[in-house]
Amino acid sequence: MIKKRHLIYIILTFSIAFSATFFMIKSNDHKECGTVIKKVIDKNGKEVATTEHVCQEKYSF
């Protein structure tokens, strides 16, 4: 049988893990990200627009 102390540790561990996961999901808002449109000329002489997703963040969860 699980002692009361072990049960408290298990519940505490799960609540901390859930809180950390919830925080990472809610705080990952990508406010520092943007879309850059680059126009280049291909080998046929036509102008082609390419889009690129650029993030300033060092870490992304």
Protein backbone atom coordinates (compact mmCIF):
# COMPACT_ATOMS: atom_id res chain seq x y z
CA MET A 1 0.00 0.00 0.00
CA ILE A 2 1.22 3.45 -0.84
CA LYS A 3 1.96 5.58 2.15
CA LYS A 4 0.37 8.99 2.47
CA ARG A 5 3.75 10.68 2.03
CA HIS A 6 4.41 8.90 -1.29
CA LEU A 7 0.96 9.79 -2.54
CA ILE A 8 1.59 13.47 -1.79
CA TYR A 9 4.90 13.32 -3.71
CA ILE A 10 3.25 11.70 -6.71
CA ILE A 11 0.44 14.26 -6.79
CA LEU A 12 2.93 17.10 -6.39
CA THR A 13 5.10 15.78 -9.23
CA PHE A 14 2.16 15.47 -11.60
CA SER A 15 0.84 18.92 -10.73
CA ILE A 16 4.25 20.54 -11.33
CA ALA A 17 4.63 18.69 -14.65
CA PHE A 18 1.14 19.73 -15.75
CA SER A 19 1.75 23.35 -14.74
CA ALA A 20 5.07 23.48 -16.62
CA THR A 21 3.51 22.00 -19.75
CA PHE A 22 0.56 24.39 -19.59
CA PHE A 23 2.92 27.37 -19.14
CA MET A 24 5.00 26.37 -22.18
CA ILE A 25 1.94 26.02 -24.37
CA LYS A 26 0.39 29.34 -23.30
CA SER A 27 3.61 31.40 -23.39
CA ASN A 28 4.71 30.29 -26.86
CA ASP A 29 3.03 33.12 -28.74
CA HIS A 30 5.55 33.78 -31.54
CA LYS A 31 5.25 37.56 -31.22
CA GLU A 32 8.83 37.92 -32.36
CA CYS A 33 8.25 35.93 -35.55
CA GLY A 34 7.46 37.35 -38.93
CA THR A 35 7.20 36.53 -42.59
CA VAL A 36 9.75 37.88 -45.06
CA ILE A 37 8.91 38.02 -48.76
CA LYS A 38 11.94 37.86 -51.04
CA LYS A 39 11.72 38.53 -54.75
CA VAL A 40 14.30 36.82 -56.93
CA ILE A 41 14.73 36.39 -60.65
CA ASP A 42 14.87 32.79 -61.79
CA LYS A 43 16.94 31.45 -64.69
CA ASN A 44 14.12 32.17 -67.17
CA GLY A 45 14.10 35.87 -66.24
CA LYS A 46 10.79 35.79 -64.40
CA GLU A 47 10.41 37.43 -61.00
CA VAL A 48 9.49 34.90 -58.32
CA ALA A 49 8.37 35.76 -54.78
CA THR A 50 9.35 33.40 -51.97
CA THR A 51 8.09 33.64 -48.40
CA GLU A 52 10.24 32.77 -45.40
CA HIS A 53 9.24 32.40 -41.75
CA VAL A 54 11.81 34.15 -39.54
CA CYS A 55 11.87 33.97 -35.74
CA GLN A 56 13.94 36.11 -33.40
CA GLU A 57 13.49 33.65 -30.54
CA LYS A 58 16.47 31.72 -29.34
CA TYR A 59 14.37 28.85 -27.99
CA SER A 60 11.02 27.58 -29.20
CA PHE A 61 9.02 25.08 -27.18
